[in-house]
Amino acid sequence: MSSTIQYRDLERALQQVMTPSSYAGVVGSGSTTTEVVDSIGGWGTNQWAEYGIQFAPNTLTPALRGVWQQITSNTGNTLTLAAALPAAPQAGDTYNI
């Protein structure tokens, strides 16, 4: 059985990846190159799946400045990324979803 992509599904996915949510976050402790822990959180499970995270141009970790990565899933306070970041975020780094 072959599956086809429905136009509305493609449109929804593109909107999630390309439309900023205006969430500005601050990294908490315990982040790795593939998981970003937010200092506040309070999100629904997979609320940010398929969105993108971009670190601020003036964030604390120089290797992350302006870096963008896709979010594959999330818990209440942790974002799981599609690929590893060039460095692990440190507490206080800032980003947008």
PDB file of N, CA and C in Angstrom:
ATOM      1  N   MET A   1       0.845  -1.174   0.000  1.00  0.00           N
ATOM      2  CA  MET A   1       0.000   0.000   0.000  1.00  0.00           C
ATOM      3  C   MET A   1       0.891   1.237   0.000  1.00  0.00           C
ATOM      4  N   SER A   2       0.722   2.091  -0.963  1.00  0.00           N
ATOM      5  CA  SER A   2       1.517   3.317  -1.010  1.00  0.00           C
ATOM      6  C   SER A   2       0.778   4.417  -0.252  1.00  0.00           C
ATOM      7  N   SER A   3       1.541   5.320   0.298  1.00  0.00           N
ATOM      8  CA  SER A   3       0.921   6.442   0.999  1.00  0.00           C
ATOM      9  C   SER A   3       1.227   7.721   0.240  1.00  0.00           C
ATOM     10  N   THR A   4       0.296   8.631   0.280  1.00  0.00           N
ATOM     11  CA  THR A   4       0.494   9.913  -0.375  1.00  0.00           C
ATOM     12  C   THR A   4       0.420  11.010   0.662  1.00  0.00           C
ATOM     13  N   ILE A   5       1.119  12.081   0.390  1.00  0.00           N
ATOM     14  CA  ILE A   5       1.100  13.230   1.280  1.00  0.00           C
ATOM     15  C   ILE A   5      -0.073  14.115   0.894  1.00  0.00           C
ATOM     16  N   GLN A   6      -0.884  14.416   1.835  1.00  0.00           N
ATOM     17  CA  GLN A   6      -2.013  15.305   1.603  1.00  0.00           C
ATOM     18  C   GLN A   6      -1.528  16.753   1.657  1.00  0.00           C
ATOM     19  N   TYR A   7      -2.062  17.583   0.799  1.00  0.00           N
ATOM     20  CA  TYR A   7      -1.671  18.982   0.732  1.00  0.00           C
ATOM     21  C   TYR A   7      -1.800  19.666   2.086  1.00  0.00           C
ATOM     22  N   ARG A   8      -2.899  19.436   2.809  1.00  0.00           N
ATOM     23  CA  ARG A   8      -3.108  20.105   4.102  1.00  0.00           C
ATOM     24  C   ARG A   8      -2.061  19.679   5.130  1.00  0.00           C
ATOM     25  N   ASP A   9      -1.588  18.427   5.057  1.00  0.00           N
ATOM     26  CA  ASP A   9      -0.542  17.968   5.974  1.00  0.00           C
ATOM     27  C   ASP A   9       0.788  18.642   5.663  1.00  0.00           C
ATOM     28  N   LEU A  10       1.092  18.766   4.372  1.00  0.00           N
ATOM     29  CA  LEU A  10       2.317  19.437   3.959  1.00  0.00           C
ATOM     30  C   LEU A  10       2.284  20.913   4.348  1.00  0.00           C
ATOM     31  N   GLU A  11       1.152  21.545   4.123  1.00  0.00           N
ATOM     32  CA  GLU A  11       1.004  22.956   4.466  1.00  0.00           C
ATOM     33  C   GLU A  11       1.185  23.170   5.977  1.00  0.00           C
ATOM     34  N   ARG A  12       0.596  22.312   6.787  1.00  0.00           N
ATOM     35  CA  ARG A  12       0.717  22.416   8.245  1.00  0.00           C
ATOM     36  C   ARG A  12       2.169  22.255   8.684  1.00  0.00           C
ATOM     37  N   ALA A  13       2.861  21.268   8.125  1.00  0.00           N
ATOM     38  CA  ALA A  13       4.262  21.033   8.487  1.00  0.00           C
ATOM     39  C   ALA A  13       5.134  22.222   8.115  1.00  0.00           C
ATOM     40  N   LEU A  14       4.923  22.777   6.935  1.00  0.00           N
ATOM     41  CA  LEU A  14       5.707  23.939   6.515  1.00  0.00           C
ATOM     42  C   LEU A  14       5.438  25.150   7.393  1.00  0.00           C
ATOM     43  N   GLN A  15       4.206  25.353   7.793  1.00  0.00           N
ATOM     44  CA  GLN A  15       3.884  26.478   8.672  1.00  0.00           C
ATOM     45  C   GLN A  15       4.583  26.338  10.016  1.00  0.00           C
ATOM     46  N   GLN A  16       4.629  25.131  10.550  1.00  0.00           N
ATOM     47  CA  GLN A  16       5.272  24.926  11.847  1.00  0.00           C
ATOM     48  C   GLN A  16       6.767  25.185  11.772  1.00  0.00           C
ATOM     49  N   VAL A  17       7.416  24.742  10.712  1.00  0.00           N
ATOM     50  CA  VAL A  17       8.862  24.900  10.589  1.00  0.00           C
ATOM     51  C   VAL A  17       9.235  26.331  10.250  1.00  0.00           C
ATOM     52  N   MET A  18       8.443  26.998   9.424  1.00  0.00           N
ATOM     53  CA  MET A  18       8.829  28.296   8.902  1.00  0.00           C
ATOM     54  C   MET A  18       8.230  29.487   9.655  1.00  0.00           C
ATOM     55  N   THR A  19       7.270  29.257  10.507  1.00  0.00           N
ATOM     56  CA  THR A  19       6.620  30.355  11.202  1.00  0.00           C
ATOM     57  C   THR A  19       7.150  30.442  12.624  1.00  0.00           C
ATOM     58  N   PRO A  20       7.768  31.551  13.000  1.00  0.00           N
ATOM     59  CA  PRO A  20       8.235  31.674  14.372  1.00  0.00           C
ATOM     60  C   PRO A  20       7.056  31.680  15.333  1.00  0.00           C
ATOM     61  N   SER A  21       7.259  31.090  16.478  1.00  0.00           N
ATOM     62  CA  SER A  21       6.186  31.044  17.465  1.00  0.00           C
ATOM     63  C   SER A  21       6.253  32.243  18.398  1.00  0.00           C
ATOM     64  N   SER A  22       7.328  32.956  18.360  1.00  0.00           N
ATOM     65  CA  SER A  22       7.620  34.083  19.236  1.00  0.00           C
ATOM     66  C   SER A  22       7.930  33.655  20.668  1.00  0.00           C
ATOM     67  N   TYR A  23       8.250  32.370  20.883  1.00  0.00           N
ATOM     68  CA  TYR A  23       8.679  31.937  22.214  1.00  0.00           C
ATOM     69  C   TYR A  23      10.160  32.243  22.360  1.00  0.00           C
ATOM     70  N   ALA A  24      10.503  33.051  23.331  1.00  0.00           N
ATOM     71  CA  ALA A  24      11.899  33.361  23.641  1.00  0.00           C
ATOM     72  C   ALA A  24      12.264  32.601  24.904  1.00  0.00           C
ATOM     73  N   GLY A  25      13.283  31.747  24.816  1.00  0.00           N
ATOM     74  CA  GLY A  25      13.646  30.903  25.944  1.00  0.00           C
ATOM     75  C   GLY A  25      15.028  31.174  26.483  1.00  0.00           C
ATOM     76  N   VAL A  26      15.225  30.704  27.702  1.00  0.00           N
ATOM     77  CA  VAL A  26      16.523  30.759  28.363  1.00  0.00           C
ATOM     78  C   VAL A  26      16.869  29.338  28.779  1.00  0.00           C
ATOM     79  N   VAL A  27      18.065  28.901  28.423  1.00  0.00           N
ATOM     80  CA  VAL A  27      18.512  27.554  28.723  1.00  0.00           C
ATOM     81  C   VAL A  27      18.745  27.396  30.222  1.00  0.00           C
ATOM     82  N   GLY A  28      18.266  26.266  30.760  1.00  0.00           N
ATOM     83  CA  GLY A  28      18.534  25.902  32.152  1.00  0.00           C
ATOM     84  C   GLY A  28      19.728  24.959  32.196  1.00  0.00           C
ATOM     85  N   SER A  29      19.971  24.347  33.326  1.00  0.00           N
ATOM     86  CA  SER A  29      21.111  23.431  33.450  1.00  0.00           C
ATOM     87  C   SER A  29      20.744  22.042  32.935  1.00  0.00           C
ATOM     88  N   GLY A  30      21.750  21.297  32.502  1.00  0.00           N
ATOM     89  CA  GLY A  30      21.556  19.919  32.076  1.00  0.00           C
ATOM     90  C   GLY A  30      21.389  19.713  30.587  1.00  0.00           C
ATOM     91  N   SER A  31      21.587  20.722  29.763  1.00  0.00           N
ATOM     92  CA  SER A  31      21.451  20.582  28.313  1.00  0.00           C
ATOM     93  C   SER A  31      22.642  19.835  27.727  1.00  0.00           C
ATOM     94  N   THR A  32      22.405  19.196  26.578  1.00  0.00           N
ATOM     95  CA  THR A  32      23.460  18.498  25.836  1.00  0.00           C
ATOM     96  C   THR A  32      23.434  19.007  24.396  1.00  0.00           C
ATOM     97  N   THR A  33      24.231  18.430  23.537  1.00  0.00           N
ATOM     98  CA  THR A  33      24.233  18.867  22.135  1.00  0.00           C
ATOM     99  C   THR A  33      22.955  18.454  21.405  1.00  0.00           C
ATOM    100  N   THR A  34      22.193  17.514  21.950  1.00  0.00           N
ATOM    101  CA  THR A  34      20.962  17.066  21.289  1.00  0.00           C
ATOM    102  C   THR A  34      19.698  17.337  22.099  1.00  0.00           C
ATOM    103  N   GLU A  35      19.836  17.860  23.311  1.00  0.00           N
ATOM    104  CA  GLU A  35      18.674  18.190  24.138  1.00  0.00           C
ATOM    105  C   GLU A  35      18.892  19.540  24.819  1.00  0.00           C
ATOM    106  N   VAL A  36      17.898  20.406  24.691  1.00  0.00           N
ATOM    107  CA  VAL A  36      17.973  21.729  25.296  1.00  0.00           C
ATOM    108  C   VAL A  36      16.942  21.805  26.410  1.00  0.00           C
ATOM    109  N   VAL A  37      17.430  22.042  27.626  1.00  0.00           N
ATOM    110  CA  VAL A  37      16.557  22.166  28.795  1.00  0.00           C
ATOM    111  C   VAL A  37      16.223  23.640  28.983  1.00  0.00           C
ATOM    112  N   ASP A  38      14.937  23.953  29.021  1.00  0.00           N
ATOM    113  CA  ASP A  38      14.491  25.331  29.216  1.00  0.00           C
ATOM    114  C   ASP A  38      14.451  25.645  30.705  1.00  0.00           C
ATOM    115  N   SER A  39      14.730  26.880  31.074  1.00  0.00           N
ATOM    116  CA  SER A  39      14.758  27.265  32.488  1.00  0.00           C
ATOM    117  C   SER A  39      13.358  27.324  33.108  1.00  0.00           C
ATOM    118  N   ILE A  40      12.322  27.468  32.286  1.00  0.00           N
ATOM    119  CA  ILE A  40      10.952  27.563  32.814  1.00  0.00           C
ATOM    120  C   ILE A  40      10.083  26.402  32.346  1.00  0.00           C
ATOM    121  N   GLY A  41      10.014  26.164  31.041  1.00  0.00           N
ATOM    122  CA  GLY A  41       9.217  25.063  30.497  1.00  0.00           C
ATOM    123  C   GLY A  41       7.727  25.273  30.678  1.00  0.00           C
ATOM    124  N   GLY A  42       7.032  24.201  31.061  1.00  0.00           N
ATOM    125  CA  GLY A  42       5.584  24.256  31.208  1.00  0.00           C
ATOM    126  C   GLY A  42       4.847  23.969  29.919  1.00  0.00           C
ATOM    127  N   TRP A  43       5.522  23.297  28.964  1.00  0.00           N
ATOM    128  CA  TRP A  43       4.941  23.026  27.657  1.00  0.00           C
ATOM    129  C   TRP A  43       4.154  21.728  27.662  1.00  0.00           C
ATOM    130  N   GLY A  44       3.286  21.593  26.683  1.00  0.00           N
ATOM    131  CA  GLY A  44       2.615  20.324  26.439  1.00  0.00           C
ATOM    132  C   GLY A  44       3.565  19.389  25.699  1.00  0.00           C
ATOM    133  N   THR A  45       3.390  18.089  25.885  1.00  0.00           N
ATOM    134  CA  THR A  45       4.228  17.111  25.203  1.00  0.00           C
ATOM    135  C   THR A  45       4.129  17.302  23.699  1.00  0.00           C
ATOM    136  N   ASN A  46       5.278  17.410  23.065  1.00  0.00           N
ATOM    137  CA  ASN A  46       5.421  17.596  21.615  1.00  0.00           C
ATOM    138  C   ASN A  46       4.768  18.866  21.070  1.00  0.00           C
ATOM    139  N   GLN A  47       4.567  19.831  21.932  1.00  0.00           N
ATOM    140  CA  GLN A  47       4.053  21.133  21.500  1.00  0.00           C
ATOM    141  C   GLN A  47       4.953  21.772  20.448  1.00  0.00           C
ATOM    142  N   TRP A  48       6.264  21.558  20.562  1.00  0.00           N
ATOM    143  CA  TRP A  48       7.228  22.188  19.656  1.00  0.00           C
ATOM    144  C   TRP A  48       7.778  21.223  18.608  1.00  0.00           C
ATOM    145  N   ALA A  49       7.248  20.005  18.510  1.00  0.00           N
ATOM    146  CA  ALA A  49       7.722  19.053  17.502  1.00  0.00           C
ATOM    147  C   ALA A  49       7.568  19.661  16.110  1.00  0.00           C
ATOM    148  N   GLU A  50       8.604  19.543  15.319  1.00  0.00           N
ATOM    149  CA  GLU A  50       8.684  20.033  13.942  1.00  0.00           C
ATOM    150  C   GLU A  50       8.882  21.545  13.834  1.00  0.00           C
ATOM    151  N   TYR A  51       9.004  22.242  14.936  1.00  0.00           N
ATOM    152  CA  TYR A  51       9.380  23.653  14.899  1.00  0.00           C
ATOM    153  C   TYR A  51      10.900  23.725  14.849  1.00  0.00           C
ATOM    154  N   GLY A  52      11.428  24.924  14.798  1.00  0.00           N
ATOM    155  CA  GLY A  52      12.868  25.110  14.809  1.00  0.00           C
ATOM    156  C   GLY A  52      13.288  25.950  15.994  1.00  0.00           C
ATOM    157  N   ILE A  53      14.501  25.708  16.466  1.00  0.00           N
ATOM    158  CA  ILE A  53      15.093  26.514  17.527  1.00  0.00           C
ATOM    159  C   ILE A  53      16.251  27.281  16.902  1.00  0.00           C
ATOM    160  N   GLN A  54      16.365  28.556  17.258  1.00  0.00           N
ATOM    161  CA  GLN A  54      17.510  29.346  16.799  1.00  0.00           C
ATOM    162  C   GLN A  54      18.081  30.099  17.989  1.00  0.00           C
ATOM    163  N   PHE A  55      19.376  29.943  18.184  1.00  0.00           N
ATOM    164  CA  PHE A  55      20.043  30.628  19.283  1.00  0.00           C
ATOM    165  C   PHE A  55      20.282  32.087  18.912  1.00  0.00           C
ATOM    166  N   ALA A  56      20.159  32.954  19.889  1.00  0.00           N
ATOM    167  CA  ALA A  56      20.289  34.396  19.679  1.00  0.00           C
ATOM    168  C   ALA A  56      21.714  34.749  19.246  1.00  0.00           C
ATOM    169  N   PRO A  57      21.860  35.809  18.467  1.00  0.00           N
ATOM    170  CA  PRO A  57      23.186  36.229  18.004  1.00  0.00           C
ATOM    171  C   PRO A  57      24.130  36.615  19.137  1.00  0.00           C
ATOM    172  N   ASN A  58      23.586  36.948  20.293  1.00  0.00           N
ATOM    173  CA  ASN A  58      24.416  37.350  21.427  1.00  0.00           C
ATOM    174  C   ASN A  58      24.362  36.352  22.582  1.00  0.00           C
ATOM    175  N   THR A  59      23.973  35.105  22.297  1.00  0.00           N
ATOM    176  CA  THR A  59      23.905  34.112  23.367  1.00  0.00           C
ATOM    177  C   THR A  59      25.297  33.877  23.971  1.00  0.00           C
ATOM    178  N   LEU A  60      25.342  33.322  25.153  1.00  0.00           N
ATOM    179  CA  LEU A  60      26.605  33.166  25.884  1.00  0.00           C
ATOM    180  C   LEU A  60      27.614  32.246  25.200  1.00  0.00           C
ATOM    181  N   THR A  61      27.152  31.155  24.609  1.00  0.00           N
ATOM    182  CA  THR A  61      28.047  30.185  23.975  1.00  0.00           C
ATOM    183  C   THR A  61      28.328  30.614  22.540  1.00  0.00           C
ATOM    184  N   PRO A  62      29.547  31.085  22.246  1.00  0.00           N
ATOM    185  CA  PRO A  62      29.854  31.619  20.913  1.00  0.00           C
ATOM    186  C   PRO A  62      29.544  30.652  19.769  1.00  0.00           C
ATOM    187  N   ALA A  63      29.788  29.360  19.959  1.00  0.00           N
ATOM    188  CA  ALA A  63      29.568  28.383  18.884  1.00  0.00           C
ATOM    189  C   ALA A  63      28.093  28.227  18.522  1.00  0.00           C
ATOM    190  N   LEU A  64      27.193  28.724  19.368  1.00  0.00           N
ATOM    191  CA  LEU A  64      25.755  28.582  19.111  1.00  0.00           C
ATOM    192  C   LEU A  64      25.115  29.841  18.537  1.00  0.00           C
ATOM    193  N   ARG A  65      25.841  30.916  18.454  1.00  0.00           N
ATOM    194  CA  ARG A  65      25.266  32.189  17.996  1.00  0.00           C
ATOM    195  C   ARG A  65      24.701  32.068  16.580  1.00  0.00           C
ATOM    196  N   GLY A  66      23.389  32.255  16.463  1.00  0.00           N
ATOM    197  CA  GLY A  66      22.708  32.177  15.178  1.00  0.00           C
ATOM    198  C   GLY A  66      22.418  30.777  14.674  1.00  0.00           C
ATOM    199  N   VAL A  67      22.842  29.755  15.410  1.00  0.00           N
ATOM    200  CA  VAL A  67      22.647  28.365  14.973  1.00  0.00           C
ATOM    201  C   VAL A  67      21.165  27.995  15.044  1.00  0.00           C
ATOM    202  N   TRP A  68      20.706  27.284  14.013  1.00  0.00           N
ATOM    203  CA  TRP A  68      19.325  26.830  13.903  1.00  0.00           C
ATOM    204  C   TRP A  68      19.319  25.309  13.847  1.00  0.00           C
ATOM    205  N   GLN A  69      18.315  24.703  14.466  1.00  0.00           N
ATOM    206  CA  GLN A  69      18.161  23.245  14.401  1.00  0.00           C
ATOM    207  C   GLN A  69      16.682  22.906  14.521  1.00  0.00           C
ATOM    208  N   GLN A  70      16.262  21.823  13.898  1.00  0.00           N
ATOM    209  CA  GLN A  70      14.871  21.381  13.979  1.00  0.00           C
ATOM    210  C   GLN A  70      14.635  20.637  15.287  1.00  0.00           C
ATOM    211  N   ILE A  71      13.459  20.851  15.857  1.00  0.00           N
ATOM    212  CA  ILE A  71      13.031  20.157  17.070  1.00  0.00           C
ATOM    213  C   ILE A  71      12.217  18.944  16.640  1.00  0.00           C
ATOM    214  N   THR A  72      12.568  17.768  17.165  1.00  0.00           N
ATOM    215  CA  THR A  72      11.823  16.560  16.808  1.00  0.00           C
ATOM    216  C   THR A  72      10.742  16.227  17.829  1.00  0.00           C
ATOM    217  N   SER A  73      10.970  16.585  19.098  1.00  0.00           N
ATOM    218  CA  SER A  73       9.986  16.326  20.143  1.00  0.00           C
ATOM    219  C   SER A  73      10.336  17.160  21.366  1.00  0.00           C
ATOM    220  N   ASN A  74       9.413  17.182  22.328  1.00  0.00           N
ATOM    221  CA  ASN A  74       9.716  17.872  23.586  1.00  0.00           C
ATOM    222  C   ASN A  74       8.892  17.293  24.731  1.00  0.00           C
ATOM    223  N   THR A  75       9.417  17.491  25.926  1.00  0.00           N
ATOM    224  CA  THR A  75       8.690  17.177  27.155  1.00  0.00           C
ATOM    225  C   THR A  75       8.268  18.515  27.743  1.00  0.00           C
ATOM    226  N   GLY A  76       7.920  18.532  29.001  1.00  0.00           N
ATOM    227  CA  GLY A  76       7.490  19.766  29.645  1.00  0.00           C
ATOM    228  C   GLY A  76       8.526  20.861  29.701  1.00  0.00           C
ATOM    229  N   ASN A  77       9.821  20.493  29.641  1.00  0.00           N
ATOM    230  CA  ASN A  77      10.869  21.519  29.689  1.00  0.00           C
ATOM    231  C   ASN A  77      12.102  21.205  28.849  1.00  0.00           C
ATOM    232  N   THR A  78      12.056  20.141  28.036  1.00  0.00           N
ATOM    233  CA  THR A  78      13.239  19.737  27.275  1.00  0.00           C
ATOM    234  C   THR A  78      12.896  19.551  25.799  1.00  0.00           C
ATOM    235  N   LEU A  79      13.698  20.176  24.937  1.00  0.00           N
ATOM    236  CA  LEU A  79      13.562  20.056  23.491  1.00  0.00           C
ATOM    237  C   LEU A  79      14.556  19.021  22.985  1.00  0.00           C
ATOM    238  N   THR A  80      14.107  18.068  22.188  1.00  0.00           N
ATOM    239  CA  THR A  80      14.994  17.096  21.560  1.00  0.00           C
ATOM    240  C   THR A  80      15.192  17.521  20.111  1.00  0.00           C
ATOM    241  N   LEU A  81      16.450  17.571  19.686  1.00  0.00           N
ATOM    242  CA  LEU A  81      16.792  18.111  18.370  1.00  0.00           C
ATOM    243  C   LEU A  81      17.065  17.013  17.344  1.00  0.00           C
ATOM    244  N   ALA A  82      16.893  17.346  16.074  1.00  0.00           N
ATOM    245  CA  ALA A  82      17.079  16.398  14.979  1.00  0.00           C
ATOM    246  C   ALA A  82      18.544  16.018  14.777  1.00  0.00           C
ATOM    247  N   ALA A  83      19.454  16.919  15.102  1.00  0.00           N
ATOM    248  CA  ALA A  83      20.892  16.662  14.951  1.00  0.00           C
ATOM    249  C   ALA A  83      21.633  17.412  16.051  1.00  0.00           C
ATOM    250  N   ALA A  84      22.868  17.021  16.267  1.00  0.00           N
ATOM    251  CA  ALA A  84      23.665  17.624  17.336  1.00  0.00           C
ATOM    252  C   ALA A  84      24.054  19.062  17.020  1.00  0.00           C
ATOM    253  N   LEU A  85      24.039  19.880  18.043  1.00  0.00           N
ATOM    254  CA  LEU A  85      24.521  21.258  17.961  1.00  0.00           C
ATOM    255  C   LEU A  85      26.046  21.248  17.977  1.00  0.00           C
ATOM    256  N   PRO A  86      26.702  22.320  17.546  1.00  0.00           N
ATOM    257  CA  PRO A  86      28.167  22.365  17.570  1.00  0.00           C
ATOM    258  C   PRO A  86      28.755  22.414  18.983  1.00  0.00           C
ATOM    259  N   ALA A  87      27.937  22.750  19.961  1.00  0.00           N
ATOM    260  CA  ALA A  87      28.381  22.786  21.366  1.00  0.00           C
ATOM    261  C   ALA A  87      27.149  22.601  22.246  1.00  0.00           C
ATOM    262  N   ALA A  88      27.366  22.139  23.464  1.00  0.00           N
ATOM    263  CA  ALA A  88      26.252  22.006  24.412  1.00  0.00           C
ATOM    264  C   ALA A  88      25.882  23.388  24.942  1.00  0.00           C
ATOM    265  N   PRO A  89      24.597  23.730  24.944  1.00  0.00           N
ATOM    266  CA  PRO A  89      24.183  25.017  25.501  1.00  0.00           C
ATOM    267  C   PRO A  89      24.469  25.074  27.002  1.00  0.00           C
ATOM    268  N   GLN A  90      24.807  26.248  27.477  1.00  0.00           N
ATOM    269  CA  GLN A  90      25.034  26.437  28.907  1.00  0.00           C
ATOM    270  C   GLN A  90      23.869  27.223  29.502  1.00  0.00           C
ATOM    271  N   ALA A  91      23.678  27.079  30.789  1.00  0.00           N
ATOM    272  CA  ALA A  91      22.617  27.820  31.472  1.00  0.00           C
ATOM    273  C   ALA A  91      22.792  29.307  31.195  1.00  0.00           C
ATOM    274  N   GLY A  92      21.699  29.944  30.773  1.00  0.00           N
ATOM    275  CA  GLY A  92      21.734  31.363  30.461  1.00  0.00           C
ATOM    276  C   GLY A  92      21.756  31.676  28.975  1.00  0.00           C
ATOM    277  N   ASP A  93      22.082  30.665  28.131  1.00  0.00           N
ATOM    278  CA  ASP A  93      22.010  30.875  26.680  1.00  0.00           C
ATOM    279  C   ASP A  93      20.567  31.229  26.324  1.00  0.00           C
ATOM    280  N   THR A  94      20.385  32.033  25.299  1.00  0.00           N
ATOM    281  CA  THR A  94      19.040  32.455  24.901  1.00  0.00           C
ATOM    282  C   THR A  94      18.740  31.971  23.487  1.00  0.00           C
ATOM    283  N   TYR A  95      17.454  31.684  23.256  1.00  0.00           N
ATOM    284  CA  TYR A  95      17.023  31.157  21.963  1.00  0.00           C
ATOM    285  C   TYR A  95      15.579  31.545  21.688  1.00  0.00           C
ATOM    286  N   ASN A  96      15.167  31.309  20.454  1.00  0.00           N
ATOM    287  CA  ASN A  96      13.784  31.518  20.031  1.00  0.00           C
ATOM    288  C   ASN A  96      13.288  30.263  19.338  1.00  0.00           C
ATOM    289  N   ILE A  97      12.001  30.025  19.466  1.00  0.00           N
ATOM    290  CA  ILE A  97      11.354  28.922  18.738  1.00  0.00           C
ATOM    291  C   ILE A  97      10.430  29.566  17.727  1.00  0.00           C
TER     292      ILE A  97
END
